[in-house]
Amino acid sequence: MAWKLKYRCPVCGYEADVYEGRGLFRQEIRAMLCPDCKTIQNIVVGGIIADVAPSYRSEVGRLCLNCGSDNIRIWDRRTCPNCSSGHEGGMQETGEREFWT
């Protein structure tokens, strides 16, 4: 069971959907920050797909889904990718949650 959460930057208004929990096939979706295109991308890791595709076992060596950069890193759920703001808590969960399988 997983949830889709919405995050918003109070400084510039950038919004991102981030997933929490595990999907139907035991996969985890990790929020990754891409400093090159200034976005947050959700990367599928683990689960049944990792049994047949070893590259899905971790986020190491993965590319940004938006621009193809290999410069992605795990997002700290605070720093805004658009304006780099981390002031006063940085990106904030808006309270909008949606059940996701």
C-alpha atoms as a PDB file:
ATOM      1  CA  MET A   1       0.000   0.000   0.000  1.00  0.00           C
ATOM      2  CA  ALA A   2       1.320   3.414  -0.917  1.00  0.00           C
ATOM      3  CA  TRP A   3       0.327   7.038  -0.791  1.00  0.00           C
ATOM      4  CA  LYS A   4       0.885   9.845  -3.250  1.00  0.00           C
ATOM      5  CA  LEU A   5       1.742  13.043  -1.379  1.00  0.00           C
ATOM      6  CA  LYS A   6       1.918  16.541  -2.806  1.00  0.00           C
ATOM      7  CA  TYR A   7       4.790  18.837  -1.810  1.00  0.00           C
ATOM      8  CA  ARG A   8       4.945  22.583  -2.508  1.00  0.00           C
ATOM      9  CA  CYS A   9       7.711  25.164  -2.108  1.00  0.00           C
ATOM     10  CA  PRO A  10       6.428  28.183  -0.174  1.00  0.00           C
ATOM     11  CA  VAL A  11       9.050  30.407  -1.823  1.00  0.00           C
ATOM     12  CA  CYS A  12       8.620  29.728  -5.577  1.00  0.00           C
ATOM     13  CA  GLY A  13       5.479  27.557  -5.732  1.00  0.00           C
ATOM     14  CA  TYR A  14       7.168  24.480  -7.291  1.00  0.00           C
ATOM     15  CA  GLU A  15       5.035  21.350  -6.751  1.00  0.00           C
ATOM     16  CA  ALA A  16       5.906  17.674  -6.819  1.00  0.00           C
ATOM     17  CA  ASP A  17       4.071  14.411  -6.232  1.00  0.00           C
ATOM     18  CA  VAL A  18       6.048  12.010  -4.045  1.00  0.00           C
ATOM     19  CA  TYR A  19       5.194   8.416  -3.192  1.00  0.00           C
ATOM     20  CA  GLU A  20       5.469   6.745   0.199  1.00  0.00           C
ATOM     21  CA  GLY A  21       5.141   3.018   0.914  1.00  0.00           C
ATOM     22  CA  ARG A  22       5.274   0.013  -1.395  1.00  0.00           C
ATOM     23  CA  GLY A  23       3.366  -0.756  -4.573  1.00  0.00           C
ATOM     24  CA  LEU A  24       1.382  -3.821  -5.576  1.00  0.00           C
ATOM     25  CA  PHE A  25       4.488  -5.722  -6.704  1.00  0.00           C
ATOM     26  CA  ARG A  26       6.521  -4.773  -3.589  1.00  0.00           C
ATOM     27  CA  GLN A  27       8.363  -2.007  -5.418  1.00  0.00           C
ATOM     28  CA  GLU A  28       9.344   1.197  -3.697  1.00  0.00           C
ATOM     29  CA  ILE A  29       9.205   4.553  -5.421  1.00  0.00           C
ATOM     30  CA  ARG A  30      12.004   6.893  -4.374  1.00  0.00           C
ATOM     31  CA  ALA A  31      11.964  10.631  -4.911  1.00  0.00           C
ATOM     32  CA  MET A  32      15.141  11.736  -6.692  1.00  0.00           C
ATOM     33  CA  LEU A  33      16.387  15.299  -7.124  1.00  0.00           C
ATOM     34  CA  CYS A  34      17.854  16.275 -10.497  1.00  0.00           C
ATOM     35  CA  PRO A  35      19.879  19.478 -10.179  1.00  0.00           C
ATOM     36  CA  ASP A  36      20.355  19.606 -13.963  1.00  0.00           C
ATOM     37  CA  CYS A  37      16.687  20.053 -14.935  1.00  0.00           C
ATOM     38  CA  LYS A  38      15.633  21.218 -11.442  1.00  0.00           C
ATOM     39  CA  THR A  39      12.916  18.617 -10.901  1.00  0.00           C
ATOM     40  CA  ILE A  40      11.964  15.819  -8.554  1.00  0.00           C
ATOM     41  CA  GLN A  41      11.552  12.496 -10.337  1.00  0.00           C
ATOM     42  CA  ASN A  42      10.104   9.283  -8.910  1.00  0.00           C
ATOM     43  CA  ILE A  43      12.254   6.207  -9.550  1.00  0.00           C
ATOM     44  CA  VAL A  44      10.953   2.629  -9.146  1.00  0.00           C
ATOM     45  CA  VAL A  45      13.292   0.500  -7.030  1.00  0.00           C
ATOM     46  CA  GLY A  46      13.091  -3.138  -5.954  1.00  0.00           C
ATOM     47  CA  GLY A  47      10.120  -5.419  -5.978  1.00  0.00           C
ATOM     48  CA  ILE A  48       9.432  -8.124  -8.521  1.00  0.00           C
ATOM     49  CA  ILE A  49      10.914  -6.088 -11.378  1.00  0.00           C
ATOM     50  CA  ALA A  50      14.308  -6.112  -9.623  1.00  0.00           C
ATOM     51  CA  ASP A  51      14.285  -9.908  -9.730  1.00  0.00           C
ATOM     52  CA  VAL A  52      14.458  -9.826 -13.541  1.00  0.00           C
ATOM     53  CA  ALA A  53      16.125  -6.444 -14.087  1.00  0.00           C
ATOM     54  CA  PRO A  54      19.069  -6.050 -11.667  1.00  0.00           C
ATOM     55  CA  SER A  55      19.448  -2.344 -12.527  1.00  0.00           C
ATOM     56  CA  TYR A  56      16.198  -1.756 -10.604  1.00  0.00           C
ATOM     57  CA  ARG A  57      17.653  -3.049  -7.321  1.00  0.00           C
ATOM     58  CA  SER A  58      18.834   0.428  -6.283  1.00  0.00           C
ATOM     59  CA  GLU A  59      18.923   4.029  -7.457  1.00  0.00           C
ATOM     60  CA  VAL A  60      22.664   3.759  -8.236  1.00  0.00           C
ATOM     61  CA  GLY A  61      23.409   4.365 -11.904  1.00  0.00           C
ATOM     62  CA  ARG A  62      19.880   5.494 -12.743  1.00  0.00           C
ATOM     63  CA  LEU A  63      19.060   8.433 -14.977  1.00  0.00           C
ATOM     64  CA  CYS A  64      16.665  11.352 -14.578  1.00  0.00           C
ATOM     65  CA  LEU A  65      13.382  10.489 -16.269  1.00  0.00           C
ATOM     66  CA  ASN A  66      12.985  14.074 -17.444  1.00  0.00           C
ATOM     67  CA  CYS A  67      16.366  14.997 -18.931  1.00  0.00           C
ATOM     68  CA  GLY A  68      18.456  11.804 -18.880  1.00  0.00           C
ATOM     69  CA  SER A  69      21.099  13.207 -16.507  1.00  0.00           C
ATOM     70  CA  ASP A  70      23.092  10.778 -14.388  1.00  0.00           C
ATOM     71  CA  ASN A  71      23.508  13.506 -11.758  1.00  0.00           C
ATOM     72  CA  ILE A  72      20.424  12.521  -9.735  1.00  0.00           C
ATOM     73  CA  ARG A  73      20.460  11.909  -5.991  1.00  0.00           C
ATOM     74  CA  ILE A  74      17.960  10.966  -3.307  1.00  0.00           C
ATOM     75  CA  TRP A  75      15.815  13.978  -2.456  1.00  0.00           C
ATOM     76  CA  ASP A  76      15.950  15.100   1.181  1.00  0.00           C
ATOM     77  CA  ARG A  77      12.217  16.040   1.117  1.00  0.00           C
ATOM     78  CA  ARG A  78      13.167  19.561   2.022  1.00  0.00           C
ATOM     79  CA  THR A  79      15.279  21.364  -0.593  1.00  0.00           C
ATOM     80  CA  CYS A  80      13.337  22.850  -3.502  1.00  0.00           C
ATOM     81  CA  PRO A  81      14.882  21.727  -6.802  1.00  0.00           C
ATOM     82  CA  ASN A  82      13.674  24.869  -8.560  1.00  0.00           C
ATOM     83  CA  CYS A  83      14.923  27.649  -6.278  1.00  0.00           C
ATOM     84  CA  SER A  84      17.179  25.631  -3.898  1.00  0.00           C
ATOM     85  CA  SER A  85      15.233  27.032  -0.969  1.00  0.00           C
ATOM     86  CA  GLY A  86      15.515  25.152   2.269  1.00  0.00           C
ATOM     87  CA  HIS A  87      14.430  28.085   4.406  1.00  0.00           C
ATOM     88  CA  GLU A  88      11.823  27.593   7.119  1.00  0.00           C
ATOM     89  CA  GLY A  89      11.462  23.891   6.457  1.00  0.00           C
ATOM     90  CA  GLY A  90      11.802  24.123   2.664  1.00  0.00           C
ATOM     91  CA  MET A  91       9.328  22.135   0.584  1.00  0.00           C
ATOM     92  CA  GLN A  92       6.238  21.319   2.603  1.00  0.00           C
ATOM     93  CA  GLU A  93       3.676  18.583   2.357  1.00  0.00           C
ATOM     94  CA  THR A  94       0.357  20.193   1.391  1.00  0.00           C
ATOM     95  CA  GLY A  95      -1.797  17.609   3.128  1.00  0.00           C
ATOM     96  CA  GLU A  96      -3.158  16.311  -0.187  1.00  0.00           C
ATOM     97  CA  ARG A  97      -2.906  12.502  -0.055  1.00  0.00           C
ATOM     98  CA  GLU A  98      -4.132   9.917  -2.477  1.00  0.00           C
ATOM     99  CA  PHE A  99      -4.176   6.145  -1.995  1.00  0.00           C
ATOM    100  CA  TRP A 100      -1.953   4.497  -4.600  1.00  0.00           C
ATOM    101  CA  THR A 101      -1.435   0.801  -5.458  1.00  0.00           C
END
